[in-house]
Amino acid sequence: SQDQREMLVKEMAELLANVGLTCEFDED
């Protein structure tokens, strides 16, 4: 669902920052 996508995109950005990867996701 859109809510699930938004949640995981947000979680992934936070997780990646914790491993030293700063990035921002954009829908392709």
PDB file of all heavy atoms in Angstrom:
ATOM      1  N   SER A   1       0.858  -1.181   0.000  1.00  0.00           N
ATOM      2  CA  SER A   1       0.000   0.000   0.000  1.00  0.00           C
ATOM      3  C   SER A   1       0.897   1.234   0.000  1.00  0.00           C
ATOM      4  O   SER A   1       2.109   1.144   0.256  1.00  0.00           O
ATOM      5  CB  SER A   1      -0.887   0.014   1.246  1.00  0.00           C
ATOM      6  OG  SER A   1      -0.093   0.210   2.408  1.00  0.00           O
ATOM      7  N   GLN A   2       0.325   2.380  -0.251  1.00  0.00           N
ATOM      8  CA  GLN A   2       1.097   3.619  -0.227  1.00  0.00           C
ATOM      9  C   GLN A   2       1.679   3.854   1.162  1.00  0.00           C
ATOM     10  O   GLN A   2       2.827   4.272   1.304  1.00  0.00           O
ATOM     11  CB  GLN A   2       0.241   4.804  -0.650  1.00  0.00           C
ATOM     12  CG  GLN A   2       1.035   6.103  -0.705  1.00  0.00           C
ATOM     13  CD  GLN A   2       0.251   7.269  -1.265  1.00  0.00           C
ATOM     14  OE1 GLN A   2      -0.821   7.095  -1.813  1.00  0.00           O
ATOM     15  NE2 GLN A   2       0.793   8.459  -1.137  1.00  0.00           N
ATOM     16  N   ASP A   3       0.895   3.563   2.201  1.00  0.00           N
ATOM     17  CA  ASP A   3       1.380   3.726   3.578  1.00  0.00           C
ATOM     18  C   ASP A   3       2.592   2.835   3.845  1.00  0.00           C
ATOM     19  O   ASP A   3       3.547   3.259   4.487  1.00  0.00           O
ATOM     20  CB  ASP A   3       0.282   3.409   4.593  1.00  0.00           C
ATOM     21  CG  ASP A   3      -0.785   4.488   4.662  1.00  0.00           C
ATOM     22  OD1 ASP A   3      -0.548   5.608   4.155  1.00  0.00           O
ATOM     23  OD2 ASP A   3      -1.864   4.209   5.222  1.00  0.00           O
ATOM     24  N   GLN A   4       2.546   1.590   3.362  1.00  0.00           N
ATOM     25  CA  GLN A   4       3.669   0.679   3.551  1.00  0.00           C
ATOM     26  C   GLN A   4       4.911   1.172   2.810  1.00  0.00           C
ATOM     27  O   GLN A   4       6.016   1.115   3.344  1.00  0.00           O
ATOM     28  CB  GLN A   4       3.307  -0.732   3.074  1.00  0.00           C
ATOM     29  CG  GLN A   4       2.312  -1.419   3.981  1.00  0.00           C
ATOM     30  CD  GLN A   4       1.756  -2.682   3.353  1.00  0.00           C
ATOM     31  OE1 GLN A   4       1.477  -2.720   2.156  1.00  0.00           O
ATOM     32  NE2 GLN A   4       1.607  -3.709   4.172  1.00  0.00           N
ATOM     33  N   ARG A   5       4.713   1.658   1.596  1.00  0.00           N
ATOM     34  CA  ARG A   5       5.851   2.191   0.826  1.00  0.00           C
ATOM     35  C   ARG A   5       6.471   3.383   1.553  1.00  0.00           C
ATOM     36  O   ARG A   5       7.687   3.456   1.720  1.00  0.00           O
ATOM     37  CB  ARG A   5       5.414   2.586  -0.580  1.00  0.00           C
ATOM     38  CG  ARG A   5       5.110   1.392  -1.465  1.00  0.00           C
ATOM     39  CD  ARG A   5       4.940   1.780  -2.916  1.00  0.00           C
ATOM     40  NE  ARG A   5       3.871   2.733  -3.170  1.00  0.00           N
ATOM     41  CZ  ARG A   5       2.592   2.409  -3.337  1.00  0.00           C
ATOM     42  NH1 ARG A   5       2.207   1.144  -3.280  1.00  0.00           N
ATOM     43  NH2 ARG A   5       1.688   3.337  -3.592  1.00  0.00           N
ATOM     44  N   GLU A   6       5.630   4.309   1.977  1.00  0.00           N
ATOM     45  CA  GLU A   6       6.131   5.495   2.659  1.00  0.00           C
ATOM     46  C   GLU A   6       6.871   5.132   3.941  1.00  0.00           C
ATOM     47  O   GLU A   6       7.930   5.701   4.247  1.00  0.00           O
ATOM     48  CB  GLU A   6       4.988   6.469   2.960  1.00  0.00           C
ATOM     49  CG  GLU A   6       4.451   7.139   1.707  1.00  0.00           C
ATOM     50  CD  GLU A   6       3.204   7.973   1.953  1.00  0.00           C
ATOM     51  OE1 GLU A   6       2.692   8.011   3.098  1.00  0.00           O
ATOM     52  OE2 GLU A   6       2.722   8.606   0.986  1.00  0.00           O
ATOM     53  N   MET A   7       6.335   4.177   4.694  1.00  0.00           N
ATOM     54  CA  MET A   7       6.971   3.734   5.933  1.00  0.00           C
ATOM     55  C   MET A   7       8.340   3.132   5.648  1.00  0.00           C
ATOM     56  O   MET A   7       9.335   3.483   6.294  1.00  0.00           O
ATOM     57  CB  MET A   7       6.080   2.706   6.642  1.00  0.00           C
ATOM     58  CG  MET A   7       6.652   2.136   7.938  1.00  0.00           C
ATOM     59  SD  MET A   7       7.781   0.702   7.824  1.00  0.00           S
ATOM     60  CE  MET A   7       6.827  -0.509   6.934  1.00  0.00           C
ATOM     61  N   LEU A   8       8.428   2.239   4.662  1.00  0.00           N
ATOM     62  CA  LEU A   8       9.692   1.572   4.393  1.00  0.00           C
ATOM     63  C   LEU A   8      10.720   2.533   3.788  1.00  0.00           C
ATOM     64  O   LEU A   8      11.900   2.465   4.133  1.00  0.00           O
ATOM     65  CB  LEU A   8       9.496   0.350   3.488  1.00  0.00           C
ATOM     66  CG  LEU A   8      10.748  -0.519   3.350  1.00  0.00           C
ATOM     67  CD1 LEU A   8      11.224  -1.034   4.710  1.00  0.00           C
ATOM     68  CD2 LEU A   8      10.493  -1.675   2.412  1.00  0.00           C
ATOM     69  N   VAL A   9      10.294   3.438   2.933  1.00  0.00           N
ATOM     70  CA  VAL A   9      11.220   4.432   2.370  1.00  0.00           C
ATOM     71  C   VAL A   9      11.819   5.267   3.506  1.00  0.00           C
ATOM     72  O   VAL A   9      13.036   5.495   3.555  1.00  0.00           O
ATOM     73  CB  VAL A   9      10.516   5.321   1.322  1.00  0.00           C
ATOM     74  CG1 VAL A   9      11.347   6.542   0.983  1.00  0.00           C
ATOM     75  CG2 VAL A   9      10.217   4.513   0.065  1.00  0.00           C
ATOM     76  N   LYS A  10      10.992   5.694   4.445  1.00  0.00           N
ATOM     77  CA  LYS A  10      11.467   6.482   5.587  1.00  0.00           C
ATOM     78  C   LYS A  10      12.410   5.653   6.452  1.00  0.00           C
ATOM     79  O   LYS A  10      13.492   6.104   6.827  1.00  0.00           O
ATOM     80  CB  LYS A  10      10.265   6.959   6.409  1.00  0.00           C
ATOM     81  CG  LYS A  10      10.622   7.790   7.615  1.00  0.00           C
ATOM     82  CD  LYS A  10       9.365   8.259   8.342  1.00  0.00           C
ATOM     83  CE  LYS A  10       9.716   9.094   9.536  1.00  0.00           C
ATOM     84  NZ  LYS A  10       9.645   8.399  10.793  1.00  0.00           N
ATOM     85  N   GLU A  11      12.010   4.420   6.764  1.00  0.00           N
ATOM     86  CA  GLU A  11      12.840   3.522   7.587  1.00  0.00           C
ATOM     87  C   GLU A  11      14.185   3.258   6.910  1.00  0.00           C
ATOM     88  O   GLU A  11      15.224   3.252   7.562  1.00  0.00           O
ATOM     89  CB  GLU A  11      12.123   2.194   7.844  1.00  0.00           C
ATOM     90  CG  GLU A  11      10.919   2.293   8.750  1.00  0.00           C
ATOM     91  CD  GLU A  11      11.279   2.302  10.223  1.00  0.00           C
ATOM     92  OE1 GLU A  11      12.451   2.076  10.570  1.00  0.00           O
ATOM     93  OE2 GLU A  11      10.373   2.545  11.027  1.00  0.00           O
ATOM     94  N   MET A  12      14.171   3.028   5.603  1.00  0.00           N
ATOM     95  CA  MET A  12      15.406   2.742   4.878  1.00  0.00           C
ATOM     96  C   MET A  12      16.360   3.924   4.929  1.00  0.00           C
ATOM     97  O   MET A  12      17.563   3.752   5.139  1.00  0.00           O
ATOM     98  CB  MET A  12      15.107   2.370   3.426  1.00  0.00           C
ATOM     99  CG  MET A  12      14.717   0.935   3.221  1.00  0.00           C
ATOM    100  SD  MET A  12      15.996  -0.248   3.715  1.00  0.00           S
ATOM    101  CE  MET A  12      17.328   0.165   2.591  1.00  0.00           C
ATOM    102  N   ALA A  13      15.854   5.134   4.741  1.00  0.00           N
ATOM    103  CA  ALA A  13      16.714   6.321   4.802  1.00  0.00           C
ATOM    104  C   ALA A  13      17.382   6.424   6.177  1.00  0.00           C
ATOM    105  O   ALA A  13      18.576   6.726   6.281  1.00  0.00           O
ATOM    106  CB  ALA A  13      15.916   7.572   4.478  1.00  0.00           C
ATOM    107  N   GLU A  14      16.622   6.129   7.238  1.00  0.00           N
ATOM    108  CA  GLU A  14      17.164   6.186   8.598  1.00  0.00           C
ATOM    109  C   GLU A  14      18.188   5.074   8.827  1.00  0.00           C
ATOM    110  O   GLU A  14      19.255   5.305   9.405  1.00  0.00           O
ATOM    111  CB  GLU A  14      16.034   6.103   9.621  1.00  0.00           C
ATOM    112  CG  GLU A  14      15.143   7.333   9.628  1.00  0.00           C
ATOM    113  CD  GLU A  14      13.907   7.182  10.502  1.00  0.00           C
ATOM    114  OE1 GLU A  14      13.780   6.155  11.219  1.00  0.00           O
ATOM    115  OE2 GLU A  14      13.053   8.087  10.469  1.00  0.00           O
ATOM    116  N   LEU A  15      17.875   3.857   8.385  1.00  0.00           N
ATOM    117  CA  LEU A  15      18.799   2.731   8.548  1.00  0.00           C
ATOM    118  C   LEU A  15      20.098   2.976   7.796  1.00  0.00           C
ATOM    119  O   LEU A  15      21.191   2.715   8.311  1.00  0.00           O
ATOM    120  CB  LEU A  15      18.170   1.430   8.027  1.00  0.00           C
ATOM    121  CG  LEU A  15      17.012   0.839   8.805  1.00  0.00           C
ATOM    122  CD1 LEU A  15      16.501  -0.412   8.107  1.00  0.00           C
ATOM    123  CD2 LEU A  15      17.413   0.509  10.218  1.00  0.00           C
ATOM    124  N   LEU A  16      19.981   3.461   6.575  1.00  0.00           N
ATOM    125  CA  LEU A  16      21.166   3.714   5.766  1.00  0.00           C
ATOM    126  C   LEU A  16      22.042   4.795   6.394  1.00  0.00           C
ATOM    127  O   LEU A  16      23.271   4.697   6.365  1.00  0.00           O
ATOM    128  CB  LEU A  16      20.765   4.081   4.340  1.00  0.00           C
ATOM    129  CG  LEU A  16      20.128   2.930   3.553  1.00  0.00           C
ATOM    130  CD1 LEU A  16      19.489   3.451   2.269  1.00  0.00           C
ATOM    131  CD2 LEU A  16      21.140   1.835   3.252  1.00  0.00           C
ATOM    132  N   ALA A  17      21.426   5.803   6.991  1.00  0.00           N
ATOM    133  CA  ALA A  17      22.197   6.840   7.688  1.00  0.00           C
ATOM    134  C   ALA A  17      22.975   6.221   8.848  1.00  0.00           C
ATOM    135  O   ALA A  17      24.116   6.610   9.115  1.00  0.00           O
ATOM    136  CB  ALA A  17      21.266   7.951   8.181  1.00  0.00           C
ATOM    137  N   ASN A  18      22.385   5.230   9.506  1.00  0.00           N
ATOM    138  CA  ASN A  18      23.056   4.552  10.623  1.00  0.00           C
ATOM    139  C   ASN A  18      24.262   3.732  10.183  1.00  0.00           C
ATOM    140  O   ASN A  18      25.111   3.406  11.014  1.00  0.00           O
ATOM    141  CB  ASN A  18      22.075   3.643  11.376  1.00  0.00           C
ATOM    142  CG  ASN A  18      21.127   4.429  12.244  1.00  0.00           C
ATOM    143  OD1 ASN A  18      21.462   5.494  12.743  1.00  0.00           O
ATOM    144  ND2 ASN A  18      19.928   3.911  12.426  1.00  0.00           N
ATOM    145  N   VAL A  19      24.329   3.370   8.909  1.00  0.00           N
ATOM    146  CA  VAL A  19      25.489   2.623   8.409  1.00  0.00           C
ATOM    147  C   VAL A  19      26.404   3.506   7.564  1.00  0.00           C
ATOM    148  O   VAL A  19      27.269   3.024   6.848  1.00  0.00           O
ATOM    149  CB  VAL A  19      25.075   1.333   7.636  1.00  0.00           C
ATOM    150  CG1 VAL A  19      24.289   0.405   8.527  1.00  0.00           C
ATOM    151  CG2 VAL A  19      24.313   1.650   6.359  1.00  0.00           C
ATOM    152  N   GLY A  20      26.185   4.825   7.637  1.00  0.00           N
ATOM    153  CA  GLY A  20      27.063   5.780   6.975  1.00  0.00           C
ATOM    154  C   GLY A  20      26.694   6.143   5.548  1.00  0.00           C
ATOM    155  O   GLY A  20      27.526   6.669   4.812  1.00  0.00           O
ATOM    156  N   LEU A  21      25.459   5.866   5.163  1.00  0.00           N
ATOM    157  CA  LEU A  21      25.009   6.193   3.814  1.00  0.00           C
ATOM    158  C   LEU A  21      23.885   7.230   3.881  1.00  0.00           C
ATOM    159  O   LEU A  21      22.773   6.927   4.295  1.00  0.00           O
ATOM    160  CB  LEU A  21      24.498   4.942   3.084  1.00  0.00           C
ATOM    161  CG  LEU A  21      25.519   3.845   2.837  1.00  0.00           C
ATOM    162  CD1 LEU A  21      24.840   2.570   2.378  1.00  0.00           C
ATOM    163  CD2 LEU A  21      26.543   4.310   1.807  1.00  0.00           C
ATOM    164  N   THR A  22      24.187   8.452   3.500  1.00  0.00           N
ATOM    165  CA  THR A  22      23.190   9.503   3.491  1.00  0.00           C
ATOM    166  C   THR A  22      22.600   9.594   2.085  1.00  0.00           C
ATOM    167  O   THR A  22      23.333   9.733   1.118  1.00  0.00           O
ATOM    168  CB  THR A  22      23.806  10.847   3.889  1.00  0.00           C
ATOM    169  OG1 THR A  22      24.438  10.700   5.160  1.00  0.00           O
ATOM    170  CG2 THR A  22      22.757  11.937   3.953  1.00  0.00           C
ATOM    171  N   CYS A  23      21.285   9.463   2.012  1.00  0.00           N
ATOM    172  CA  CYS A  23      20.638   9.529   0.694  1.00  0.00           C
ATOM    173  C   CYS A  23      19.170   9.879   0.864  1.00  0.00           C
ATOM    174  O   CYS A  23      18.621   9.807   1.949  1.00  0.00           O
ATOM    175  CB  CYS A  23      20.796   8.211  -0.052  1.00  0.00           C
ATOM    176  SG  CYS A  23      20.086   6.797   0.801  1.00  0.00           S
ATOM    177  N   GLU A  24      18.558  10.255  -0.244  1.00  0.00           N
ATOM    178  CA  GLU A  24      17.137  10.579  -0.281  1.00  0.00           C
ATOM    179  C   GLU A  24      16.511   9.807  -1.432  1.00  0.00           C
ATOM    180  O   GLU A  24      17.004   9.840  -2.556  1.00  0.00           O
ATOM    181  CB  GLU A  24      16.968  12.081  -0.492  1.00  0.00           C
ATOM    182  CG  GLU A  24      15.543  12.548  -0.355  1.00  0.00           C
ATOM    183  CD  GLU A  24      15.450  14.063  -0.445  1.00  0.00           C
ATOM    184  OE1 GLU A  24      16.231  14.751   0.251  1.00  0.00           O
ATOM    185  OE2 GLU A  24      14.601  14.541  -1.216  1.00  0.00           O
ATOM    186  N   PHE A  25      15.422   9.112  -1.148  1.00  0.00           N
ATOM    187  CA  PHE A  25      14.742   8.309  -2.163  1.00  0.00           C
ATOM    188  C   PHE A  25      13.738   9.142  -2.936  1.00  0.00           C
ATOM    189  O   PHE A  25      12.996   9.940  -2.355  1.00  0.00           O
ATOM    190  CB  PHE A  25      14.024   7.125  -1.514  1.00  0.00           C
ATOM    191  CG  PHE A  25      14.949   6.038  -1.067  1.00  0.00           C
ATOM    192  CD1 PHE A  25      15.399   5.995   0.241  1.00  0.00           C
ATOM    193  CD2 PHE A  25      15.377   5.058  -1.943  1.00  0.00           C
ATOM    194  CE1 PHE A  25      16.262   4.998   0.670  1.00  0.00           C
ATOM    195  CE2 PHE A  25      16.237   4.063  -1.539  1.00  0.00           C
ATOM    196  CZ  PHE A  25      16.687   4.030  -0.223  1.00  0.00           C
ATOM    197  N   ASP A  26      13.705   8.923  -4.238  1.00  0.00           N
ATOM    198  CA  ASP A  26      12.720   9.554  -5.112  1.00  0.00           C
ATOM    199  C   ASP A  26      12.028   8.451  -5.909  1.00  0.00           C
ATOM    200  O   ASP A  26      12.680   7.518  -6.368  1.00  0.00           O
ATOM    201  CB  ASP A  26      13.386  10.528  -6.093  1.00  0.00           C
ATOM    202  CG  ASP A  26      13.977  11.737  -5.385  1.00  0.00           C
ATOM    203  OD1 ASP A  26      13.266  12.357  -4.577  1.00  0.00           O
ATOM    204  OD2 ASP A  26      15.154  12.041  -5.644  1.00  0.00           O
ATOM    205  N   GLU A  27      10.719   8.610  -6.077  1.00  0.00           N
ATOM    206  CA  GLU A  27       9.980   7.631  -6.881  1.00  0.00           C
ATOM    207  C   GLU A  27      10.409   7.761  -8.335  1.00  0.00           C
ATOM    208  O   GLU A  27      10.493   8.864  -8.877  1.00  0.00           O
ATOM    209  CB  GLU A  27       8.478   7.833  -6.738  1.00  0.00           C
ATOM    210  CG  GLU A  27       7.674   6.733  -7.375  1.00  0.00           C
ATOM    211  CD  GLU A  27       6.177   6.815  -7.058  1.00  0.00           C
ATOM    212  OE1 GLU A  27       5.789   7.625  -6.204  1.00  0.00           O
ATOM    213  OE2 GLU A  27       5.436   6.064  -7.685  1.00  0.00           O
ATOM    214  N   ASP A  28      10.686   6.634  -8.952  1.00  0.00           N
ATOM    215  CA  ASP A  28      11.145   6.621 -10.350  1.00  0.00           C
ATOM    216  C   ASP A  28       9.961   6.566 -11.291  1.00  0.00           C
ATOM    217  O   ASP A  28       9.012   5.886 -11.100  1.00  0.00           O
ATOM    218  CB  ASP A  28      12.073   5.424 -10.564  1.00  0.00           C
ATOM    219  CG  ASP A  28      12.715   5.448 -11.930  1.00  0.00           C
ATOM    220  OD1 ASP A  28      12.998   6.543 -12.419  1.00  0.00           O
ATOM    221  OD2 ASP A  28      12.939   4.363 -12.479  1.00  0.00           O
TER     222      ASP A  28
END
